[in-house]
Amino acid sequence: MSFEKSQMRYNDGKVYKWDKPADVYSPYYTEGSGKTSFDRSNGNEVLFLINHLFKDFPGEPTLSHYQKAEEMIVFDLPSWRKSHKSLVKWILEYWDKREKLLV
């Protein structure tokens, strides 16, 4: 299962812009480099990052997992987290600390 645009909780046109494609060729995704910048207002990039985050997930991620990651990005992500690598590290560190699992 992969996370689709139609499944995103904040796909109402107020949170994300959809006019730019995700930077799937960024060094973060191709080489693991932490130097690339993440644009949290780009819906395509958020969607791609969430799917990338769960590609090595043990077992099959559920819709709730995907939406929890989206909610963390939208509401909890510190504004100083700019790189893809830093963002993924933060999500993994705070995953269990975030009490609300969306259903």
C-alpha atoms as a PDB file:
ATOM      1  CA  MET A   1       0.000   0.000   0.000  1.00  0.00           C
ATOM      2  CA  SER A   2       1.226   3.482  -0.679  1.00  0.00           C
ATOM      3  CA  PHE A   3      -0.173   6.775   0.544  1.00  0.00           C
ATOM      4  CA  GLU A   4      -2.217   8.612  -2.096  1.00  0.00           C
ATOM      5  CA  LYS A   5      -3.093  12.292  -2.433  1.00  0.00           C
ATOM      6  CA  SER A   6      -6.797  11.486  -1.935  1.00  0.00           C
ATOM      7  CA  GLN A   7      -5.991   9.911   1.464  1.00  0.00           C
ATOM      8  CA  MET A   8      -4.208  12.947   2.869  1.00  0.00           C
ATOM      9  CA  ARG A   9      -6.062  14.648   5.712  1.00  0.00           C
ATOM     10  CA  TYR A  10      -5.009  18.168   4.723  1.00  0.00           C
ATOM     11  CA  ASN A  11      -5.584  17.962   0.991  1.00  0.00           C
ATOM     12  CA  ASP A  12      -8.100  20.804   0.963  1.00  0.00           C
ATOM     13  CA  GLY A  13      -5.971  23.387  -0.840  1.00  0.00           C
ATOM     14  CA  LYS A  14      -5.200  25.339   2.337  1.00  0.00           C
ATOM     15  CA  VAL A  15      -2.042  23.548   3.516  1.00  0.00           C
ATOM     16  CA  TYR A  16      -0.300  22.377   0.343  1.00  0.00           C
ATOM     17  CA  LYS A  17       0.452  23.685  -3.117  1.00  0.00           C
ATOM     18  CA  TRP A  18       0.413  21.071  -5.858  1.00  0.00           C
ATOM     19  CA  ASP A  19       2.020  23.035  -8.688  1.00  0.00           C
ATOM     20  CA  LYS A  20       5.556  21.627  -8.271  1.00  0.00           C
ATOM     21  CA  PRO A  21       6.578  17.983  -8.563  1.00  0.00           C
ATOM     22  CA  ALA A  22       8.436  16.344  -5.703  1.00  0.00           C
ATOM     23  CA  ASP A  23      12.212  16.434  -5.993  1.00  0.00           C
ATOM     24  CA  VAL A  24      12.550  12.654  -6.281  1.00  0.00           C
ATOM     25  CA  TYR A  25      16.066  13.027  -7.643  1.00  0.00           C
ATOM     26  CA  SER A  26      17.345  14.933  -4.628  1.00  0.00           C
ATOM     27  CA  PRO A  27      20.544  13.569  -3.093  1.00  0.00           C
ATOM     28  CA  TYR A  28      18.577  12.626   0.022  1.00  0.00           C
ATOM     29  CA  TYR A  29      16.517  10.024  -1.818  1.00  0.00           C
ATOM     30  CA  THR A  30      19.279   8.854  -4.130  1.00  0.00           C
ATOM     31  CA  GLU A  31      22.303   8.962  -1.802  1.00  0.00           C
ATOM     32  CA  GLY A  32      21.031   9.582   1.738  1.00  0.00           C
ATOM     33  CA  SER A  33      22.643  13.039   1.853  1.00  0.00           C
ATOM     34  CA  GLY A  34      21.261  15.386   4.508  1.00  0.00           C
ATOM     35  CA  LYS A  35      21.939  18.561   2.549  1.00  0.00           C
ATOM     36  CA  THR A  36      18.692  18.847   0.560  1.00  0.00           C
ATOM     37  CA  SER A  37      15.942  21.156   1.725  1.00  0.00           C
ATOM     38  CA  PHE A  38      12.385  19.963   2.363  1.00  0.00           C
ATOM     39  CA  ASP A  39       9.421  22.123   1.301  1.00  0.00           C
ATOM     40  CA  ARG A  40       6.542  21.275   3.646  1.00  0.00           C
ATOM     41  CA  SER A  41       4.137  23.428   1.616  1.00  0.00           C
ATOM     42  CA  ASN A  42       4.640  21.266  -1.490  1.00  0.00           C
ATOM     43  CA  GLY A  43       2.004  18.524  -1.274  1.00  0.00           C
ATOM     44  CA  ASN A  44       3.847  16.353  -3.787  1.00  0.00           C
ATOM     45  CA  GLU A  45       7.015  16.506  -1.717  1.00  0.00           C
ATOM     46  CA  VAL A  46       5.185  15.717   1.534  1.00  0.00           C
ATOM     47  CA  LEU A  47       3.450  12.772  -0.118  1.00  0.00           C
ATOM     48  CA  PHE A  48       6.697  11.455  -1.596  1.00  0.00           C
ATOM     49  CA  LEU A  49       8.570  11.843   1.698  1.00  0.00           C
ATOM     50  CA  ILE A  50       5.872   9.990   3.655  1.00  0.00           C
ATOM     51  CA  ASN A  51       5.909   7.110   1.168  1.00  0.00           C
ATOM     52  CA  HIS A  52       9.728   7.081   1.280  1.00  0.00           C
ATOM     53  CA  LEU A  53       9.638   7.013   5.089  1.00  0.00           C
ATOM     54  CA  PHE A  54       7.494   3.861   5.118  1.00  0.00           C
ATOM     55  CA  LYS A  55       9.167   1.950   2.290  1.00  0.00           C
ATOM     56  CA  ASP A  56      11.256  -0.082   4.783  1.00  0.00           C
ATOM     57  CA  PHE A  57       8.560  -0.206   7.462  1.00  0.00           C
ATOM     58  CA  PRO A  58       8.343  -3.585   9.205  1.00  0.00           C
ATOM     59  CA  GLY A  59       5.038  -5.038   8.088  1.00  0.00           C
ATOM     60  CA  GLU A  60       2.430  -3.185   6.077  1.00  0.00           C
ATOM     61  CA  PRO A  61       1.865   0.437   7.132  1.00  0.00           C
ATOM     62  CA  THR A  62      -1.767   1.363   7.602  1.00  0.00           C
ATOM     63  CA  LEU A  63      -3.589   4.487   6.502  1.00  0.00           C
ATOM     64  CA  SER A  64      -3.379   5.618  10.140  1.00  0.00           C
ATOM     65  CA  HIS A  65       0.429   5.419  10.018  1.00  0.00           C
ATOM     66  CA  TYR A  66       0.592   7.549   6.886  1.00  0.00           C
ATOM     67  CA  GLN A  67      -1.848  10.109   8.260  1.00  0.00           C
ATOM     68  CA  LYS A  68      -0.024  10.286  11.587  1.00  0.00           C
ATOM     69  CA  ALA A  69       3.210  11.125   9.754  1.00  0.00           C
ATOM     70  CA  GLU A  70       1.361  13.774   7.741  1.00  0.00           C
ATOM     71  CA  GLU A  71      -0.114  15.287  10.904  1.00  0.00           C
ATOM     72  CA  MET A  72       3.323  15.389  12.537  1.00  0.00           C
ATOM     73  CA  ILE A  73       4.704  17.263   9.510  1.00  0.00           C
ATOM     74  CA  VAL A  74       1.807  19.727   9.386  1.00  0.00           C
ATOM     75  CA  PHE A  75       1.415  20.477  13.109  1.00  0.00           C
ATOM     76  CA  ASP A  76       4.473  19.374  15.069  1.00  0.00           C
ATOM     77  CA  LEU A  77       7.557  19.669  12.900  1.00  0.00           C
ATOM     78  CA  PRO A  78       9.867  22.378  14.245  1.00  0.00           C
ATOM     79  CA  SER A  79      10.318  25.135  11.673  1.00  0.00           C
ATOM     80  CA  TRP A  80      14.109  24.916  11.940  1.00  0.00           C
ATOM     81  CA  ARG A  81      14.028  21.358  10.554  1.00  0.00           C
ATOM     82  CA  LYS A  82      14.887  22.057   6.930  1.00  0.00           C
ATOM     83  CA  SER A  83      16.707  19.039   5.511  1.00  0.00           C
ATOM     84  CA  HIS A  84      15.076  15.788   4.458  1.00  0.00           C
ATOM     85  CA  LYS A  85      17.467  13.803   6.636  1.00  0.00           C
ATOM     86  CA  SER A  86      16.754  15.958   9.690  1.00  0.00           C
ATOM     87  CA  LEU A  87      13.000  15.648   9.121  1.00  0.00           C
ATOM     88  CA  VAL A  88      13.061  11.850   8.858  1.00  0.00           C
ATOM     89  CA  LYS A  89      15.262  11.618  11.956  1.00  0.00           C
ATOM     90  CA  TRP A  90      12.828  13.829  13.882  1.00  0.00           C
ATOM     91  CA  ILE A  91       9.752  11.801  12.823  1.00  0.00           C
ATOM     92  CA  LEU A  92      11.420   8.550  13.891  1.00  0.00           C
ATOM     93  CA  GLU A  93      12.546  10.038  17.236  1.00  0.00           C
ATOM     94  CA  TYR A  94       9.135  11.465  18.112  1.00  0.00           C
ATOM     95  CA  TRP A  95       6.893   8.791  16.584  1.00  0.00           C
ATOM     96  CA  ASP A  96       6.138   7.019  19.878  1.00  0.00           C
ATOM     97  CA  LYS A  97       6.054  10.264  21.846  1.00  0.00           C
ATOM     98  CA  ARG A  98       3.156  11.574  19.799  1.00  0.00           C
ATOM     99  CA  GLU A  99       0.124  10.226  21.615  1.00  0.00           C
ATOM    100  CA  LYS A 100      -2.542  10.764  18.996  1.00  0.00           C
ATOM    101  CA  LEU A 101      -2.663   7.995  16.414  1.00  0.00           C
ATOM    102  CA  LEU A 102      -5.211   8.916  13.801  1.00  0.00           C
ATOM    103  CA  VAL A 103      -7.954   6.435  13.042  1.00  0.00           C
END
